[in-house]
Amino acid sequence: MGSRHAEHRFGGNWTTRKLKILEDYLHAYTTALKEQPFRKAYIDAFAGSGSRTAKKGREGSLAFPDLAGADSQGLLDGSARIALGTVPRFDKYIFIERSAKRCASLEALRAEHPLLADDITVLQAEANSALLDLCSRNWTSRRAVVFMDPYGMQAEWQTIEAIARTQAIDLWLLFPLGMGVNRLLRKDGDLPEAWRERLTLLLGTDDWYEEFYSVIRGTNLLGDETQQVIKASTDTMGRYFNRRLSSVFAGVSERPAVLRNSTNCPLYLLCFAVGNPRAKSVALGIANHLLKGVM
């Protein structure tokens, strides 16, 4: 899972839920393909350090009491370690991370997994550029799962489109519903140009403005014209992004998981899309079952 520091601070139960979904899907994925001739890769686009740290509660106890032993030191597996622990295994593990410090932590995973060491690749790179390069290769005999857990709004639509074009990659993506998009959308609809550009890079089109804002015109008691700008709900924003995914992928889970914080505010949508039309029904069946438990 992407981390903001050398180790990712535990963000709440929603963090655990998303990683549990990923863990279960990776196991189901490699099991379903274990007799197939394809080479299977796991690609973590914002890999962080490979670990996260359990946040201590008010009384100093760990959020996970069963991990409170001295040996655990509060460390929990992030997505990189989860992938490396998947059985049946992947043929290749590609961890993309921009931070040199976190890349060093990812490189250290080779020592923890000596049997997989030769199949681990750590790329110190900007995630979108690295994914565009990987997607440009020949995918005829390859399949992959890509996990995109950006720190904010770093994901770009051109990257998502490139993943879809391979018709060989399943995508798990955290869409920054409350952590990014909703915060940029001012209630009055008057957005700085830089914010508009960032949203267009993420959504791949500038028609999002008409989807996210509506204008009600009328007259007041004095006969003067009035105008009221109405901002869309986060539910509308989420449905819009999911439709965007459906426009380029073979199949998309219609009900992504809404990941909320402790005050029930939506932070992210955990979205799933499958690239291979032939695998659509099986992949969606598995993903929909896993997502159903965190609606």
C-alpha atoms as a PDB file:
ATOM      1  CA  MET A   1       0.000   0.000   0.000  1.00  0.00           C
ATOM      2  CA  GLY A   2       1.286   3.466  -0.771  1.00  0.00           C
ATOM      3  CA  SER A   3       2.777   5.111   2.320  1.00  0.00           C
ATOM      4  CA  ARG A   4       3.389   8.715   3.253  1.00  0.00           C
ATOM      5  CA  HIS A   5       6.434   7.894   5.378  1.00  0.00           C
ATOM      6  CA  ALA A   6       8.996   5.089   5.511  1.00  0.00           C
ATOM      7  CA  GLU A   7       6.210   3.050   7.078  1.00  0.00           C
ATOM      8  CA  HIS A   8       2.586   3.802   6.416  1.00  0.00           C
ATOM      9  CA  ARG A   9       0.673   4.981   9.470  1.00  0.00           C
ATOM     10  CA  PHE A  10      -2.448   2.911   9.919  1.00  0.00           C
ATOM     11  CA  GLY A  11      -5.358   4.987   8.664  1.00  0.00           C
ATOM     12  CA  GLY A  12      -8.311   3.198  10.200  1.00  0.00           C
ATOM     13  CA  ASN A  13     -10.517   0.192   9.618  1.00  0.00           C
ATOM     14  CA  TRP A  14     -11.040   1.215   5.982  1.00  0.00           C
ATOM     15  CA  THR A  15      -7.340   0.577   5.354  1.00  0.00           C
ATOM     16  CA  THR A  16      -7.623  -2.940   6.685  1.00  0.00           C
ATOM     17  CA  ARG A  17     -10.765  -3.602   4.645  1.00  0.00           C
ATOM     18  CA  LYS A  18      -9.241  -2.531   1.338  1.00  0.00           C
ATOM     19  CA  LEU A  19      -6.151  -4.669   1.935  1.00  0.00           C
ATOM     20  CA  LYS A  20      -8.267  -7.663   2.911  1.00  0.00           C
ATOM     21  CA  ILE A  21     -10.195  -7.332  -0.362  1.00  0.00           C
ATOM     22  CA  LEU A  22      -6.924  -7.120  -2.279  1.00  0.00           C
ATOM     23  CA  GLU A  23      -5.479 -10.130  -0.440  1.00  0.00           C
ATOM     24  CA  ASP A  24      -8.526 -12.277  -1.136  1.00  0.00           C
ATOM     25  CA  TYR A  25      -8.675 -11.232  -4.776  1.00  0.00           C
ATOM     26  CA  LEU A  26      -4.999 -11.970  -5.410  1.00  0.00           C
ATOM     27  CA  HIS A  27      -5.411 -15.469  -3.984  1.00  0.00           C
ATOM     28  CA  ALA A  28      -8.518 -16.094  -6.103  1.00  0.00           C
ATOM     29  CA  TYR A  29      -6.764 -14.665  -9.175  1.00  0.00           C
ATOM     30  CA  THR A  30      -3.647 -16.831  -9.013  1.00  0.00           C
ATOM     31  CA  THR A  31      -5.744 -19.869  -8.158  1.00  0.00           C
ATOM     32  CA  ALA A  32      -7.968 -19.331 -11.210  1.00  0.00           C
ATOM     33  CA  LEU A  33      -4.953 -18.918 -13.510  1.00  0.00           C
ATOM     34  CA  LYS A  34      -2.624 -21.538 -12.038  1.00  0.00           C
ATOM     35  CA  GLU A  35      -3.228 -23.972 -14.915  1.00  0.00           C
ATOM     36  CA  GLN A  36      -3.140 -21.280 -17.595  1.00  0.00           C
ATOM     37  CA  PRO A  37      -0.010 -20.639 -19.704  1.00  0.00           C
ATOM     38  CA  PHE A  38       0.075 -16.901 -19.006  1.00  0.00           C
ATOM     39  CA  ARG A  39       2.852 -15.314 -16.997  1.00  0.00           C
ATOM     40  CA  LYS A  40       1.192 -13.533 -14.085  1.00  0.00           C
ATOM     41  CA  ALA A  41       2.412 -10.261 -12.582  1.00  0.00           C
ATOM     42  CA  TYR A  42       1.410  -8.152  -9.622  1.00  0.00           C
ATOM     43  CA  ILE A  43       2.051  -4.435 -10.174  1.00  0.00           C
ATOM     44  CA  ASP A  44       1.841  -2.005  -7.265  1.00  0.00           C
ATOM     45  CA  ALA A  45       1.787   1.518  -8.667  1.00  0.00           C
ATOM     46  CA  PHE A  46       2.243   3.417  -5.386  1.00  0.00           C
ATOM     47  CA  ALA A  47       3.987   0.737  -3.394  1.00  0.00           C
ATOM     48  CA  GLY A  48       5.308   2.767  -0.466  1.00  0.00           C
ATOM     49  CA  SER A  49       7.636   0.840   1.831  1.00  0.00           C
ATOM     50  CA  GLY A  50       5.752  -2.452   1.901  1.00  0.00           C
ATOM     51  CA  SER A  51       4.741  -1.975   5.541  1.00  0.00           C
ATOM     52  CA  ARG A  52       2.358   0.128   7.542  1.00  0.00           C
ATOM     53  CA  THR A  53       2.401   0.885  11.251  1.00  0.00           C
ATOM     54  CA  ALA A  54      -0.574   0.285  13.502  1.00  0.00           C
ATOM     55  CA  LYS A  55      -1.722   3.536  15.093  1.00  0.00           C
ATOM     56  CA  LYS A  56      -1.838   3.478  18.881  1.00  0.00           C
ATOM     57  CA  GLY A  57      -5.063   4.407  20.632  1.00  0.00           C
ATOM     58  CA  ARG A  58      -5.574   6.981  23.356  1.00  0.00           C
ATOM     59  CA  GLU A  59      -4.304   4.640  26.039  1.00  0.00           C
ATOM     60  CA  GLY A  60      -1.259   3.606  24.025  1.00  0.00           C
ATOM     61  CA  SER A  61      -2.668   0.228  23.039  1.00  0.00           C
ATOM     62  CA  LEU A  62      -2.425  -0.926  19.456  1.00  0.00           C
ATOM     63  CA  ALA A  63      -5.504  -0.852  17.304  1.00  0.00           C
ATOM     64  CA  PHE A  64      -4.928  -4.622  16.886  1.00  0.00           C
ATOM     65  CA  PRO A  65      -4.487  -6.188  20.347  1.00  0.00           C
ATOM     66  CA  ASP A  66      -3.356  -9.521  18.902  1.00  0.00           C
ATOM     67  CA  LEU A  67      -0.345  -7.753  17.367  1.00  0.00           C
ATOM     68  CA  ALA A  68       0.756  -6.151  20.615  1.00  0.00           C
ATOM     69  CA  GLY A  69       3.620  -8.555  21.248  1.00  0.00           C
ATOM     70  CA  ALA A  70       7.175  -7.255  21.336  1.00  0.00           C
ATOM     71  CA  ASP A  71       8.090  -9.092  18.149  1.00  0.00           C
ATOM     72  CA  SER A  72       5.385  -7.406  16.077  1.00  0.00           C
ATOM     73  CA  GLN A  73       6.372  -3.839  17.015  1.00  0.00           C
ATOM     74  CA  GLY A  74       3.045  -2.685  15.643  1.00  0.00           C
ATOM     75  CA  LEU A  75       3.960  -3.472  12.014  1.00  0.00           C
ATOM     76  CA  LEU A  76       1.284  -4.648   9.653  1.00  0.00           C
ATOM     77  CA  ASP A  77       1.607  -5.923   6.117  1.00  0.00           C
ATOM     78  CA  GLY A  78       1.062  -3.457   3.296  1.00  0.00           C
ATOM     79  CA  SER A  79       0.045  -4.425  -0.219  1.00  0.00           C
ATOM     80  CA  ALA A  80       3.593  -5.372  -1.300  1.00  0.00           C
ATOM     81  CA  ARG A  81       3.993  -7.964   1.439  1.00  0.00           C
ATOM     82  CA  ILE A  82       0.456  -9.211   0.871  1.00  0.00           C
ATOM     83  CA  ALA A  83       1.252  -9.818  -2.795  1.00  0.00           C
ATOM     84  CA  LEU A  84       4.499 -11.605  -1.973  1.00  0.00           C
ATOM     85  CA  GLY A  85       2.602 -13.864   0.408  1.00  0.00           C
ATOM     86  CA  THR A  86      -0.033 -14.831  -2.159  1.00  0.00           C
ATOM     87  CA  VAL A  87      -0.348 -18.566  -2.801  1.00  0.00           C
ATOM     88  CA  PRO A  88      -0.291 -19.691  -5.563  1.00  0.00           C
ATOM     89  CA  ARG A  89       2.431 -17.168  -6.303  1.00  0.00           C
ATOM     90  CA  PHE A  90       2.788 -14.641  -9.097  1.00  0.00           C
ATOM     91  CA  ASP A  91       5.567 -15.015 -11.644  1.00  0.00           C
ATOM     92  CA  LYS A  92       6.622 -11.382 -11.320  1.00  0.00           C
ATOM     93  CA  TYR A  93       6.276  -8.612  -8.736  1.00  0.00           C
ATOM     94  CA  ILE A  94       6.739  -4.999  -9.817  1.00  0.00           C
ATOM     95  CA  PHE A  95       6.761  -2.313  -7.147  1.00  0.00           C
ATOM     96  CA  ILE A  96       6.708   1.301  -8.320  1.00  0.00           C
ATOM     97  CA  GLU A  97       7.650   4.034  -5.877  1.00  0.00           C
ATOM     98  CA  ARG A  98       8.985   7.545  -6.349  1.00  0.00           C
ATOM     99  CA  SER A  99      10.756   7.865  -2.984  1.00  0.00           C
ATOM    100  CA  ALA A 100      14.319   6.535  -2.841  1.00  0.00           C
ATOM    101  CA  LYS A 101      13.931   5.787   0.869  1.00  0.00           C
ATOM    102  CA  ARG A 102      10.831   3.698   0.349  1.00  0.00           C
ATOM    103  CA  CYS A 103      12.427   1.952  -2.613  1.00  0.00           C
ATOM    104  CA  ALA A 104      15.238   0.860  -0.303  1.00  0.00           C
ATOM    105  CA  SER A 105      12.645  -0.675   2.017  1.00  0.00           C
ATOM    106  CA  LEU A 106      11.063  -2.470  -0.917  1.00  0.00           C
ATOM    107  CA  GLU A 107      14.451  -3.787  -2.047  1.00  0.00           C
ATOM    108  CA  ALA A 108      14.887  -5.248   1.441  1.00  0.00           C
ATOM    109  CA  LEU A 109      11.875  -7.492   0.814  1.00  0.00           C
ATOM    110  CA  ARG A 110      14.139  -9.677  -1.322  1.00  0.00           C
ATOM    111  CA  ALA A 111      15.903 -10.881   1.819  1.00  0.00           C
ATOM    112  CA  GLU A 112      12.574 -11.682   3.461  1.00  0.00           C
ATOM    113  CA  HIS A 113      11.467 -13.671   0.403  1.00  0.00           C
ATOM    114  CA  PRO A 114      14.613 -15.336  -0.991  1.00  0.00           C
ATOM    115  CA  LEU A 115      12.671 -17.752  -3.191  1.00  0.00           C
ATOM    116  CA  LEU A 116      10.973 -14.807  -4.903  1.00  0.00           C
ATOM    117  CA  ALA A 117      13.938 -12.426  -4.912  1.00  0.00           C
ATOM    118  CA  ASP A 118      14.822 -12.868  -8.587  1.00  0.00           C
ATOM    119  CA  ASP A 119      11.250 -12.065  -9.584  1.00  0.00           C
ATOM    120  CA  ILE A 120      10.960  -8.804  -7.640  1.00  0.00           C
ATOM    121  CA  THR A 121      11.503  -5.573  -9.547  1.00  0.00           C
ATOM    122  CA  VAL A 122      11.547  -2.224  -7.736  1.00  0.00           C
ATOM    123  CA  LEU A 123      11.167   0.808  -9.987  1.00  0.00           C
ATOM    124  CA  GLN A 124      11.998   4.212  -8.590  1.00  0.00           C
ATOM    125  CA  ALA A 125       9.758   6.192 -10.893  1.00  0.00           C
ATOM    126  CA  GLU A 126       6.652   8.310 -11.231  1.00  0.00           C
ATOM    127  CA  ALA A 127       3.792   5.826 -11.274  1.00  0.00           C
ATOM    128  CA  ASN A 128       1.933   7.068 -14.350  1.00  0.00           C
ATOM    129  CA  SER A 129       5.068   7.101 -16.502  1.00  0.00           C
ATOM    130  CA  ALA A 130       6.120   3.649 -15.327  1.00  0.00           C
ATOM    131  CA  LEU A 131       2.675   2.171 -15.973  1.00  0.00           C
ATOM    132  CA  LEU A 132       2.479   3.700 -19.439  1.00  0.00           C
ATOM    133  CA  ASP A 133       5.782   2.037 -20.281  1.00  0.00           C
ATOM    134  CA  LEU A 134       4.703  -1.337 -18.907  1.00  0.00           C
ATOM    135  CA  CYS A 135       1.364  -1.191 -20.731  1.00  0.00           C
ATOM    136  CA  SER A 136       3.069  -0.439 -24.055  1.00  0.00           C
ATOM    137  CA  ARG A 137       4.684  -3.887 -24.093  1.00  0.00           C
ATOM    138  CA  ASN A 138       3.332  -7.074 -25.653  1.00  0.00           C
ATOM    139  CA  TRP A 139       0.684  -8.571 -23.351  1.00  0.00           C
ATOM    140  CA  THR A 140      -0.338 -11.525 -25.513  1.00  0.00           C
ATOM    141  CA  SER A 141       1.100 -14.141 -23.158  1.00  0.00           C
ATOM    142  CA  ARG A 142       0.905 -12.084 -19.962  1.00  0.00           C
ATOM    143  CA  ARG A 143      -1.711 -11.201 -17.383  1.00  0.00           C
ATOM    144  CA  ALA A 144      -1.518  -8.905 -14.367  1.00  0.00           C
ATOM    145  CA  VAL A 145      -3.277  -7.279 -11.454  1.00  0.00           C
ATOM    146  CA  VAL A 146      -2.513  -3.596 -10.977  1.00  0.00           C
ATOM    147  CA  PHE A 147      -3.156  -1.957  -7.611  1.00  0.00           C
ATOM    148  CA  MET A 148      -3.323   1.843  -7.706  1.00  0.00           C
ATOM    149  CA  ASP A 149      -3.485   3.386  -4.246  1.00  0.00           C
ATOM    150  CA  PRO A 150      -2.342   6.965  -4.845  1.00  0.00           C
ATOM    151  CA  TYR A 151      -1.571   9.377  -2.026  1.00  0.00           C
ATOM    152  CA  GLY A 152      -4.084  11.830  -3.455  1.00  0.00           C
ATOM    153  CA  MET A 153      -5.004  12.641  -7.044  1.00  0.00           C
ATOM    154  CA  GLN A 154      -1.821  11.430  -8.746  1.00  0.00           C
ATOM    155  CA  ALA A 155      -3.563   8.891 -10.968  1.00  0.00           C
ATOM    156  CA  GLU A 156      -4.133  10.101 -14.539  1.00  0.00           C
ATOM    157  CA  TRP A 157      -6.820   9.020 -16.978  1.00  0.00           C
ATOM    158  CA  GLN A 158      -4.352   8.346 -19.802  1.00  0.00           C
ATOM    159  CA  THR A 159      -2.764   5.726 -17.542  1.00  0.00           C
ATOM    160  CA  ILE A 160      -6.114   4.115 -16.787  1.00  0.00           C
ATOM    161  CA  GLU A 161      -6.884   3.995 -20.512  1.00  0.00           C
ATOM    162  CA  ALA A 162      -3.513   2.388 -21.247  1.00  0.00           C
ATOM    163  CA  ILE A 163      -4.211  -0.321 -18.669  1.00  0.00           C
ATOM    164  CA  ALA A 164      -7.587  -1.003 -20.282  1.00  0.00           C
ATOM    165  CA  ARG A 165      -6.078  -1.211 -23.778  1.00  0.00           C
ATOM    166  CA  THR A 166      -3.876  -4.158 -22.830  1.00  0.00           C
ATOM    167  CA  GLN A 167      -7.024  -6.271 -22.347  1.00  0.00           C
ATOM    168  CA  ALA A 168      -4.859  -8.313 -20.009  1.00  0.00           C
ATOM    169  CA  ILE A 169      -4.884  -6.411 -16.714  1.00  0.00           C
ATOM    170  CA  ASP A 170      -7.320  -6.333 -13.820  1.00  0.00           C
ATOM    171  CA  LEU A 171      -7.294  -2.994 -11.994  1.00  0.00           C
ATOM    172  CA  TRP A 172      -7.986  -2.169  -8.370  1.00  0.00           C
ATOM    173  CA  LEU A 173      -8.031   1.596  -7.943  1.00  0.00           C
ATOM    174  CA  LEU A 174      -8.725   3.882  -5.023  1.00  0.00           C
ATOM    175  CA  PHE A 175     -10.604   6.894  -6.376  1.00  0.00           C
ATOM    176  CA  PRO A 176     -10.001   9.886  -4.045  1.00  0.00           C
ATOM    177  CA  LEU A 177     -13.660  10.746  -3.636  1.00  0.00           C
ATOM    178  CA  GLY A 178     -13.542  12.703  -0.392  1.00  0.00           C
ATOM    179  CA  MET A 179      -9.792  13.007  -0.004  1.00  0.00           C
ATOM    180  CA  GLY A 180      -9.332  14.814  -3.300  1.00  0.00           C
ATOM    181  CA  VAL A 181     -12.210  15.419  -5.698  1.00  0.00           C
ATOM    182  CA  ASN A 182     -14.819  16.668  -3.244  1.00  0.00           C
ATOM    183  CA  ARG A 183     -12.319  19.004  -1.583  1.00  0.00           C
ATOM    184  CA  LEU A 184     -11.456  20.669  -4.877  1.00  0.00           C
ATOM    185  CA  LEU A 185     -15.072  21.223  -5.845  1.00  0.00           C
ATOM    186  CA  ARG A 186     -16.046  24.497  -4.207  1.00  0.00           C
ATOM    187  CA  LYS A 187     -19.701  24.980  -3.436  1.00  0.00           C
ATOM    188  CA  ASP A 188     -19.895  28.100  -5.585  1.00  0.00           C
ATOM    189  CA  GLY A 189     -18.388  26.298  -8.595  1.00  0.00           C
ATOM    190  CA  ASP A 190     -15.640  28.912  -8.972  1.00  0.00           C
ATOM    191  CA  LEU A 191     -12.528  26.752  -9.300  1.00  0.00           C
ATOM    192  CA  PRO A 192      -8.936  27.875  -9.919  1.00  0.00           C
ATOM    193  CA  GLU A 193      -7.645  26.797 -13.312  1.00  0.00           C
ATOM    194  CA  ALA A 194      -5.015  24.546 -11.734  1.00  0.00           C
ATOM    195  CA  TRP A 195      -7.732  22.623  -9.891  1.00  0.00           C
ATOM    196  CA  ARG A 196      -9.761  22.227 -13.081  1.00  0.00           C
ATOM    197  CA  GLU A 197      -6.703  20.879 -14.894  1.00  0.00           C
ATOM    198  CA  ARG A 198      -5.980  18.401 -12.114  1.00  0.00           C
ATOM    199  CA  LEU A 199      -9.546  17.080 -12.224  1.00  0.00           C
ATOM    200  CA  THR A 200      -9.438  16.800 -16.010  1.00  0.00           C
ATOM    201  CA  LEU A 201      -6.181  14.815 -15.830  1.00  0.00           C
ATOM    202  CA  LEU A 202      -7.842  12.419 -13.403  1.00  0.00           C
ATOM    203  CA  LEU A 203     -11.175  12.113 -15.200  1.00  0.00           C
ATOM    204  CA  GLY A 204      -9.958  12.328 -18.791  1.00  0.00           C
ATOM    205  CA  THR A 205     -12.474  14.905 -19.967  1.00  0.00           C
ATOM    206  CA  ASP A 206     -13.642  18.371 -19.012  1.00  0.00           C
ATOM    207  CA  ASP A 207     -17.340  17.539 -19.096  1.00  0.00           C
ATOM    208  CA  TRP A 208     -17.130  16.663 -15.422  1.00  0.00           C
ATOM    209  CA  TYR A 209     -18.067  20.265 -14.588  1.00  0.00           C
ATOM    210  CA  GLU A 210     -21.547  19.899 -16.085  1.00  0.00           C
ATOM    211  CA  GLU A 211     -21.964  16.627 -14.200  1.00  0.00           C
ATOM    212  CA  PHE A 212     -20.853  18.002 -10.842  1.00  0.00           C
ATOM    213  CA  TYR A 213     -22.585  21.388 -10.936  1.00  0.00           C
ATOM    214  CA  SER A 214     -26.051  22.541 -11.908  1.00  0.00           C
ATOM    215  CA  VAL A 215     -27.325  26.095 -12.101  1.00  0.00           C
ATOM    216  CA  ILE A 216     -30.858  27.066 -11.124  1.00  0.00           C
ATOM    217  CA  ARG A 217     -31.997  30.402 -12.502  1.00  0.00           C
ATOM    218  CA  GLY A 218     -35.044  32.321 -11.421  1.00  0.00           C
ATOM    219  CA  THR A 219     -36.325  35.664 -10.197  1.00  0.00           C
ATOM    220  CA  ASN A 220     -36.775  37.060  -6.718  1.00  0.00           C
ATOM    221  CA  LEU A 221     -39.731  38.994  -5.321  1.00  0.00           C
ATOM    222  CA  LEU A 222     -38.377  42.188  -6.841  1.00  0.00           C
ATOM    223  CA  GLY A 223     -38.233  40.651 -10.295  1.00  0.00           C
ATOM    224  CA  ASP A 224     -34.447  40.478 -10.351  1.00  0.00           C
ATOM    225  CA  GLU A 225     -32.800  37.471 -11.955  1.00  0.00           C
ATOM    226  CA  THR A 226     -31.188  35.028  -9.530  1.00  0.00           C
ATOM    227  CA  GLN A 227     -28.750  32.186  -9.963  1.00  0.00           C
ATOM    228  CA  GLN A 228     -28.029  29.332  -7.571  1.00  0.00           C
ATOM    229  CA  VAL A 229     -25.186  26.865  -8.086  1.00  0.00           C
ATOM    230  CA  ILE A 230     -25.837  23.349  -6.803  1.00  0.00           C
ATOM    231  CA  LYS A 231     -22.883  21.036  -6.175  1.00  0.00           C
ATOM    232  CA  ALA A 232     -23.371  17.329  -6.789  1.00  0.00           C
ATOM    233  CA  SER A 233     -23.269  14.768  -3.999  1.00  0.00           C
ATOM    234  CA  THR A 234     -20.304  12.477  -3.512  1.00  0.00           C
ATOM    235  CA  ASP A 235     -22.576   9.644  -4.645  1.00  0.00           C
ATOM    236  CA  THR A 236     -23.054  11.388  -8.004  1.00  0.00           C
ATOM    237  CA  MET A 237     -19.303  11.924  -8.313  1.00  0.00           C
ATOM    238  CA  GLY A 238     -18.627   8.256  -7.635  1.00  0.00           C
ATOM    239  CA  ARG A 239     -21.180   7.061 -10.171  1.00  0.00           C
ATOM    240  CA  TYR A 240     -19.683   9.395 -12.755  1.00  0.00           C
ATOM    241  CA  PHE A 241     -16.192   8.000 -12.314  1.00  0.00           C
ATOM    242  CA  ASN A 242     -17.449   4.440 -12.446  1.00  0.00           C
ATOM    243  CA  ARG A 243     -19.171   5.214 -15.759  1.00  0.00           C
ATOM    244  CA  ARG A 244     -15.875   6.579 -17.025  1.00  0.00           C
ATOM    245  CA  LEU A 245     -14.207   3.271 -16.154  1.00  0.00           C
ATOM    246  CA  SER A 246     -16.990   1.384 -17.919  1.00  0.00           C
ATOM    247  CA  SER A 247     -16.294   3.334 -21.085  1.00  0.00           C
ATOM    248  CA  VAL A 248     -12.833   1.783 -21.497  1.00  0.00           C
ATOM    249  CA  PHE A 249     -12.773  -1.552 -19.628  1.00  0.00           C
ATOM    250  CA  ALA A 250     -14.427  -4.841 -20.555  1.00  0.00           C
ATOM    251  CA  GLY A 251     -16.174  -4.961 -17.211  1.00  0.00           C
ATOM    252  CA  VAL A 252     -16.469  -2.831 -14.077  1.00  0.00           C
ATOM    253  CA  SER A 253     -17.966  -3.569 -10.672  1.00  0.00           C
ATOM    254  CA  GLU A 254     -21.129  -1.500 -10.585  1.00  0.00           C
ATOM    255  CA  ARG A 255     -20.990  -0.945  -6.846  1.00  0.00           C
ATOM    256  CA  PRO A 256     -17.480  -0.053  -5.705  1.00  0.00           C
ATOM    257  CA  ALA A 257     -16.810  -0.067  -1.989  1.00  0.00           C
ATOM    258  CA  VAL A 258     -17.152   3.263  -0.203  1.00  0.00           C
ATOM    259  CA  LEU A 259     -14.321   3.527   2.316  1.00  0.00           C
ATOM    260  CA  ARG A 260     -15.240   5.853   5.161  1.00  0.00           C
ATOM    261  CA  ASN A 261     -13.423   7.321   8.132  1.00  0.00           C
ATOM    262  CA  SER A 262     -14.474   7.030  11.766  1.00  0.00           C
ATOM    263  CA  THR A 263     -17.011   9.861  11.352  1.00  0.00           C
ATOM    264  CA  ASN A 264     -18.610   8.065   8.385  1.00  0.00           C
ATOM    265  CA  CYS A 265     -17.327  10.544   5.800  1.00  0.00           C
ATOM    266  CA  PRO A 266     -16.475   8.928   2.447  1.00  0.00           C
ATOM    267  CA  LEU A 267     -12.748   9.023   1.752  1.00  0.00           C
ATOM    268  CA  TYR A 268     -12.257   6.751  -1.255  1.00  0.00           C
ATOM    269  CA  LEU A 269     -14.062   4.487  -3.644  1.00  0.00           C
ATOM    270  CA  LEU A 270     -12.387   1.113  -4.085  1.00  0.00           C
ATOM    271  CA  CYS A 271     -13.090   0.437  -7.752  1.00  0.00           C
ATOM    272  CA  PHE A 272     -12.504  -2.712  -9.777  1.00  0.00           C
ATOM    273  CA  ALA A 273     -12.189  -3.085 -13.553  1.00  0.00           C
ATOM    274  CA  VAL A 274     -11.317  -6.104 -15.684  1.00  0.00           C
ATOM    275  CA  GLY A 275      -9.508  -5.730 -18.999  1.00  0.00           C
ATOM    276  CA  ASN A 276      -9.915  -9.136 -20.624  1.00  0.00           C
ATOM    277  CA  PRO A 277     -13.404  -9.647 -22.115  1.00  0.00           C
ATOM    278  CA  ARG A 278     -13.068 -13.430 -21.828  1.00  0.00           C
ATOM    279  CA  ALA A 279     -12.356 -13.209 -18.094  1.00  0.00           C
ATOM    280  CA  LYS A 280     -15.053 -10.645 -17.418  1.00  0.00           C
ATOM    281  CA  SER A 281     -17.691 -12.837 -15.801  1.00  0.00           C
ATOM    282  CA  VAL A 282     -15.299 -14.743 -13.548  1.00  0.00           C
ATOM    283  CA  ALA A 283     -13.326 -11.689 -12.434  1.00  0.00           C
ATOM    284  CA  LEU A 284     -16.419  -9.596 -11.774  1.00  0.00           C
ATOM    285  CA  GLY A 285     -18.034 -12.446  -9.878  1.00  0.00           C
ATOM    286  CA  ILE A 286     -15.090 -12.634  -7.500  1.00  0.00           C
ATOM    287  CA  ALA A 287     -14.668  -8.869  -7.121  1.00  0.00           C
ATOM    288  CA  ASN A 288     -18.362  -8.196  -6.592  1.00  0.00           C
ATOM    289  CA  HIS A 289     -18.527 -10.828  -3.874  1.00  0.00           C
ATOM    290  CA  LEU A 290     -15.581  -9.233  -2.053  1.00  0.00           C
ATOM    291  CA  LEU A 291     -16.874  -5.684  -2.439  1.00  0.00           C
ATOM    292  CA  LYS A 292     -20.320  -6.599  -1.203  1.00  0.00           C
ATOM    293  CA  GLY A 293     -19.041  -6.938   2.329  1.00  0.00           C
ATOM    294  CA  VAL A 294     -17.866  -3.319   2.566  1.00  0.00           C
ATOM    295  CA  MET A 295     -20.673  -1.334   0.962  1.00  0.00           C
END
